Amino acid sequence: CSSDLANHKAAPSPETELQECTLYAESSCCHRNLTEKLAQSPIIEVENFYWNRCGNLSKKCEYYLRKTECLYQCSPFIAHWAHPNISEAIQHVPLCQSFCDNWLESCEI
Protein backbone atom coordinates (compact mmCIF):
# COMPACT_ATOMS: atom_id res chain seq x y z
CA CYS A 1 0.00 0.00 0.00
CA SER A 2 1.07 3.58 -0.40
CA SER A 3 1.07 6.03 2.48
CA ASP A 4 0.89 8.83 -0.12
CA LEU A 5 -2.57 7.80 -1.30
CA ALA A 6 -5.35 9.25 0.80
CA ASN A 7 -7.61 6.26 1.25
CA HIS A 8 -5.09 3.42 1.27
CA LYS A 9 -4.84 1.15 4.25
CA ALA A 10 -1.57 1.16 6.20
CA ALA A 11 -1.02 -2.45 5.08
CA PRO A 12 -2.88 -4.81 2.76
CA SER A 13 -5.48 -7.07 4.32
CA PRO A 14 -8.39 -9.22 3.13
CA GLU A 15 -11.58 -7.48 1.99
CA THR A 16 -14.09 -10.25 1.43
CA GLU A 17 -17.05 -8.01 0.53
CA LEU A 18 -15.61 -6.07 -2.41
CA GLN A 19 -18.26 -5.27 -5.00
CA GLU A 20 -15.59 -4.49 -7.61
CA CYS A 21 -11.83 -5.07 -7.67
CA THR A 22 -12.33 -8.67 -6.53
CA LEU A 23 -8.88 -9.54 -7.88
CA TYR A 24 -7.58 -7.87 -4.71
CA ALA A 25 -10.00 -9.45 -2.20
CA GLU A 26 -7.33 -11.58 -0.50
CA SER A 27 -4.83 -8.74 -0.15
CA SER A 28 -6.27 -5.27 -0.62
CA CYS A 29 -5.15 -1.73 0.05
CA CYS A 30 -8.66 -0.36 -0.47
CA HIS A 31 -11.78 -0.55 1.64
CA ARG A 32 -15.13 -1.97 0.57
CA ASN A 33 -16.76 1.48 0.38
CA LEU A 34 -14.52 2.48 -2.55
CA THR A 35 -15.66 -0.51 -4.55
CA GLU A 36 -19.30 0.36 -3.87
CA LYS A 37 -18.73 3.54 -5.90
CA LEU A 38 -17.05 1.56 -8.66
CA ALA A 39 -19.94 -0.90 -8.82
CA GLN A 40 -22.37 1.84 -9.89
CA SER A 41 -23.03 2.64 -13.52
CA PRO A 42 -22.66 5.17 -14.83
CA ILE A 43 -19.79 6.15 -12.58
CA ILE A 44 -19.77 9.91 -12.10
CA GLU A 45 -17.25 10.54 -9.30
CA VAL A 46 -14.65 8.51 -7.43
CA GLU A 47 -12.41 10.13 -4.81
CA ASN A 48 -13.14 13.66 -6.12
CA PHE A 49 -12.29 12.71 -9.70
CA TYR A 50 -15.16 13.20 -12.12
CA TRP A 51 -15.33 10.55 -14.85
CA ASN A 52 -17.86 12.39 -16.99
CA ARG A 53 -15.83 15.54 -17.75
CA CYS A 54 -15.99 14.84 -21.48
CA GLY A 55 -19.51 13.43 -21.47
CA ASN A 56 -20.93 10.04 -20.61
CA LEU A 57 -18.56 7.10 -20.94
CA SER A 58 -19.31 4.01 -22.96
CA LYS A 59 -19.66 0.77 -20.99
CA LYS A 60 -16.38 -0.45 -22.49
CA CYS A 61 -14.53 2.72 -21.50
CA GLU A 62 -15.98 2.51 -18.01
CA TYR A 63 -14.74 -1.10 -17.79
CA TYR A 64 -11.12 -0.04 -18.45
CA LEU A 65 -11.29 2.91 -16.08
CA ARG A 66 -12.62 0.56 -13.39
CA LYS A 67 -9.69 -1.82 -13.96
CA THR A 68 -7.13 0.95 -13.65
CA GLU A 69 -8.87 2.48 -10.63
CA CYS A 70 -8.84 -0.94 -8.96
CA LEU A 71 -5.11 -1.25 -9.60
CA TYR A 72 -4.42 2.24 -8.29
CA GLN A 73 -6.63 2.01 -5.22
CA CYS A 74 -6.52 -1.66 -4.24
CA SER A 75 -3.30 -3.31 -5.43
CA PRO A 76 -0.91 -4.26 -2.62
CA PHE A 77 1.95 -3.69 -5.09
CA ILE A 78 1.13 -0.12 -6.17
CA ALA A 79 3.93 1.38 -4.05
CA HIS A 80 6.45 -0.30 -6.39
CA TRP A 81 5.44 2.18 -9.11
CA ALA A 82 5.22 5.34 -7.02
CA HIS A 83 6.38 8.50 -8.77
CA PRO A 84 9.36 9.95 -6.87
CA ASN A 85 8.26 13.59 -7.23
CA ILE A 86 4.45 13.50 -7.36
CA SER A 87 2.98 11.87 -4.27
CA GLU A 88 -0.30 10.63 -5.77
CA ALA A 89 1.14 9.57 -9.13
CA ILE A 90 2.49 6.25 -10.37
CA GLN A 91 4.84 5.47 -13.23
CA HIS A 92 6.32 2.57 -15.18
CA VAL A 93 3.42 0.24 -14.42
CA PRO A 94 3.83 -2.87 -16.58
CA LEU A 95 0.74 -3.02 -18.77
CA CYS A 96 0.22 -5.21 -21.81
CA GLN A 97 0.13 -3.38 -25.13
CA SER A 98 -3.17 -5.07 -26.00
CA PHE A 99 -4.74 -3.73 -22.78
CA CYS A 100 -3.62 -0.20 -23.64
CA ASP A 101 -4.80 -0.49 -27.25
CA ASN A 102 -8.20 -1.81 -26.19
CA TRP A 103 -8.52 0.89 -23.53
CA LEU A 104 -7.76 3.63 -26.03
CA GLU A 105 -10.15 2.20 -28.59
CA SER A 106 -12.90 1.88 -25.99
CA CYS A 107 -12.56 5.46 -24.78
CA GLU A 108 -12.04 7.33 -28.03
CA ILE A 109 -14.66 9.98 -28.54
C-alpha atoms as a PDB file:
ATOM      1  CA  CYS A   1       0.000   0.000   0.000  1.00  0.00           C
ATOM      2  CA  SER A   2       1.066   3.584  -0.402  1.00  0.00           C
ATOM      3  CA  SER A   3       1.068   6.027   2.476  1.00  0.00           C
ATOM      4  CA  ASP A   4       0.893   8.828  -0.116  1.00  0.00           C
ATOM      5  CA  LEU A   5      -2.571   7.797  -1.304  1.00  0.00           C
ATOM      6  CA  ALA A   6      -5.349   9.252   0.796  1.00  0.00           C
ATOM      7  CA  ASN A   7      -7.613   6.257   1.254  1.00  0.00           C
ATOM      8  CA  HIS A   8      -5.095   3.417   1.269  1.00  0.00           C
ATOM      9  CA  LYS A   9      -4.840   1.151   4.252  1.00  0.00           C
ATOM     10  CA  ALA A  10      -1.571   1.155   6.196  1.00  0.00           C
ATOM     11  CA  ALA A  11      -1.021  -2.453   5.082  1.00  0.00           C
ATOM     12  CA  PRO A  12      -2.879  -4.814   2.765  1.00  0.00           C
ATOM     13  CA  SER A  13      -5.481  -7.073   4.321  1.00  0.00           C
ATOM     14  CA  PRO A  14      -8.388  -9.225   3.132  1.00  0.00           C
ATOM     15  CA  GLU A  15     -11.582  -7.481   1.989  1.00  0.00           C
ATOM     16  CA  THR A  16     -14.089 -10.250   1.429  1.00  0.00           C
ATOM     17  CA  GLU A  17     -17.050  -8.014   0.526  1.00  0.00           C
ATOM     18  CA  LEU A  18     -15.614  -6.070  -2.410  1.00  0.00           C
ATOM     19  CA  GLN A  19     -18.260  -5.272  -4.999  1.00  0.00           C
ATOM     20  CA  GLU A  20     -15.589  -4.490  -7.613  1.00  0.00           C
ATOM     21  CA  CYS A  21     -11.829  -5.072  -7.673  1.00  0.00           C
ATOM     22  CA  THR A  22     -12.333  -8.666  -6.527  1.00  0.00           C
ATOM     23  CA  LEU A  23      -8.880  -9.538  -7.879  1.00  0.00           C
ATOM     24  CA  TYR A  24      -7.581  -7.868  -4.707  1.00  0.00           C
ATOM     25  CA  ALA A  25      -9.999  -9.450  -2.197  1.00  0.00           C
ATOM     26  CA  GLU A  26      -7.325 -11.583  -0.505  1.00  0.00           C
ATOM     27  CA  SER A  27      -4.831  -8.737  -0.151  1.00  0.00           C
ATOM     28  CA  SER A  28      -6.271  -5.270  -0.622  1.00  0.00           C
ATOM     29  CA  CYS A  29      -5.148  -1.728   0.051  1.00  0.00           C
ATOM     30  CA  CYS A  30      -8.658  -0.360  -0.473  1.00  0.00           C
ATOM     31  CA  HIS A  31     -11.776  -0.548   1.636  1.00  0.00           C
ATOM     32  CA  ARG A  32     -15.125  -1.965   0.567  1.00  0.00           C
ATOM     33  CA  ASN A  33     -16.763   1.476   0.380  1.00  0.00           C
ATOM     34  CA  LEU A  34     -14.524   2.481  -2.554  1.00  0.00           C
ATOM     35  CA  THR A  35     -15.664  -0.514  -4.554  1.00  0.00           C
ATOM     36  CA  GLU A  36     -19.297   0.360  -3.869  1.00  0.00           C
ATOM     37  CA  LYS A  37     -18.732   3.544  -5.896  1.00  0.00           C
ATOM     38  CA  LEU A  38     -17.049   1.564  -8.661  1.00  0.00           C
ATOM     39  CA  ALA A  39     -19.941  -0.896  -8.823  1.00  0.00           C
ATOM     40  CA  GLN A  40     -22.366   1.837  -9.894  1.00  0.00           C
ATOM     41  CA  SER A  41     -23.031   2.638 -13.525  1.00  0.00           C
ATOM     42  CA  PRO A  42     -22.662   5.170 -14.825  1.00  0.00           C
ATOM     43  CA  ILE A  43     -19.794   6.149 -12.580  1.00  0.00           C
ATOM     44  CA  ILE A  44     -19.772   9.907 -12.101  1.00  0.00           C
ATOM     45  CA  GLU A  45     -17.255  10.541  -9.303  1.00  0.00           C
ATOM     46  CA  VAL A  46     -14.647   8.509  -7.428  1.00  0.00           C
ATOM     47  CA  GLU A  47     -12.411  10.127  -4.815  1.00  0.00           C
ATOM     48  CA  ASN A  48     -13.145  13.665  -6.118  1.00  0.00           C
ATOM     49  CA  PHE A  49     -12.286  12.712  -9.702  1.00  0.00           C
ATOM     50  CA  TYR A  50     -15.156  13.200 -12.124  1.00  0.00           C
ATOM     51  CA  TRP A  51     -15.331  10.549 -14.845  1.00  0.00           C
ATOM     52  CA  ASN A  52     -17.857  12.391 -16.995  1.00  0.00           C
ATOM     53  CA  ARG A  53     -15.830  15.537 -17.748  1.00  0.00           C
ATOM     54  CA  CYS A  54     -15.992  14.835 -21.484  1.00  0.00           C
ATOM     55  CA  GLY A  55     -19.511  13.426 -21.470  1.00  0.00           C
ATOM     56  CA  ASN A  56     -20.928  10.042 -20.611  1.00  0.00           C
ATOM     57  CA  LEU A  57     -18.563   7.104 -20.942  1.00  0.00           C
ATOM     58  CA  SER A  58     -19.310   4.008 -22.963  1.00  0.00           C
ATOM     59  CA  LYS A  59     -19.660   0.772 -20.987  1.00  0.00           C
ATOM     60  CA  LYS A  60     -16.376  -0.453 -22.492  1.00  0.00           C
ATOM     61  CA  CYS A  61     -14.531   2.716 -21.505  1.00  0.00           C
ATOM     62  CA  GLU A  62     -15.985   2.513 -18.008  1.00  0.00           C
ATOM     63  CA  TYR A  63     -14.735  -1.096 -17.794  1.00  0.00           C
ATOM     64  CA  TYR A  64     -11.121  -0.042 -18.449  1.00  0.00           C
ATOM     65  CA  LEU A  65     -11.288   2.906 -16.083  1.00  0.00           C
ATOM     66  CA  ARG A  66     -12.621   0.561 -13.387  1.00  0.00           C
ATOM     67  CA  LYS A  67      -9.694  -1.823 -13.961  1.00  0.00           C
ATOM     68  CA  THR A  68      -7.125   0.953 -13.651  1.00  0.00           C
ATOM     69  CA  GLU A  69      -8.869   2.485 -10.631  1.00  0.00           C
ATOM     70  CA  CYS A  70      -8.836  -0.938  -8.956  1.00  0.00           C
ATOM     71  CA  LEU A  71      -5.110  -1.255  -9.604  1.00  0.00           C
ATOM     72  CA  TYR A  72      -4.418   2.241  -8.292  1.00  0.00           C
ATOM     73  CA  GLN A  73      -6.634   2.013  -5.221  1.00  0.00           C
ATOM     74  CA  CYS A  74      -6.519  -1.663  -4.243  1.00  0.00           C
ATOM     75  CA  SER A  75      -3.301  -3.309  -5.433  1.00  0.00           C
ATOM     76  CA  PRO A  76      -0.914  -4.261  -2.623  1.00  0.00           C
ATOM     77  CA  PHE A  77       1.950  -3.685  -5.088  1.00  0.00           C
ATOM     78  CA  ILE A  78       1.134  -0.120  -6.174  1.00  0.00           C
ATOM     79  CA  ALA A  79       3.929   1.378  -4.053  1.00  0.00           C
ATOM     80  CA  HIS A  80       6.455  -0.296  -6.388  1.00  0.00           C
ATOM     81  CA  TRP A  81       5.444   2.183  -9.115  1.00  0.00           C
ATOM     82  CA  ALA A  82       5.225   5.343  -7.017  1.00  0.00           C
ATOM     83  CA  HIS A  83       6.381   8.496  -8.769  1.00  0.00           C
ATOM     84  CA  PRO A  84       9.363   9.952  -6.871  1.00  0.00           C
ATOM     85  CA  ASN A  85       8.256  13.587  -7.229  1.00  0.00           C
ATOM     86  CA  ILE A  86       4.453  13.496  -7.363  1.00  0.00           C
ATOM     87  CA  SER A  87       2.981  11.870  -4.275  1.00  0.00           C
ATOM     88  CA  GLU A  88      -0.299  10.626  -5.766  1.00  0.00           C
ATOM     89  CA  ALA A  89       1.141   9.570  -9.131  1.00  0.00           C
ATOM     90  CA  ILE A  90       2.489   6.255 -10.371  1.00  0.00           C
ATOM     91  CA  GLN A  91       4.841   5.474 -13.233  1.00  0.00           C
ATOM     92  CA  HIS A  92       6.322   2.566 -15.184  1.00  0.00           C
ATOM     93  CA  VAL A  93       3.417   0.242 -14.418  1.00  0.00           C
ATOM     94  CA  PRO A  94       3.833  -2.875 -16.580  1.00  0.00           C
ATOM     95  CA  LEU A  95       0.736  -3.021 -18.772  1.00  0.00           C
ATOM     96  CA  CYS A  96       0.216  -5.207 -21.815  1.00  0.00           C
ATOM     97  CA  GLN A  97       0.128  -3.385 -25.133  1.00  0.00           C
ATOM     98  CA  SER A  98      -3.170  -5.067 -25.996  1.00  0.00           C
ATOM     99  CA  PHE A  99      -4.737  -3.735 -22.776  1.00  0.00           C
ATOM    100  CA  CYS A 100      -3.616  -0.202 -23.641  1.00  0.00           C
ATOM    101  CA  ASP A 101      -4.801  -0.485 -27.245  1.00  0.00           C
ATOM    102  CA  ASN A 102      -8.201  -1.806 -26.191  1.00  0.00           C
ATOM    103  CA  TRP A 103      -8.524   0.889 -23.526  1.00  0.00           C
ATOM    104  CA  LEU A 104      -7.756   3.629 -26.026  1.00  0.00           C
ATOM    105  CA  GLU A 105     -10.154   2.197 -28.594  1.00  0.00           C
ATOM    106  CA  SER A 106     -12.903   1.882 -25.989  1.00  0.00           C
ATOM    107  CA  CYS A 107     -12.559   5.462 -24.775  1.00  0.00           C
ATOM    108  CA  GLU A 108     -12.042   7.332 -28.029  1.00  0.00           C
ATOM    109  CA  ILE A 109     -14.660   9.980 -28.543  1.00  0.00           C
END
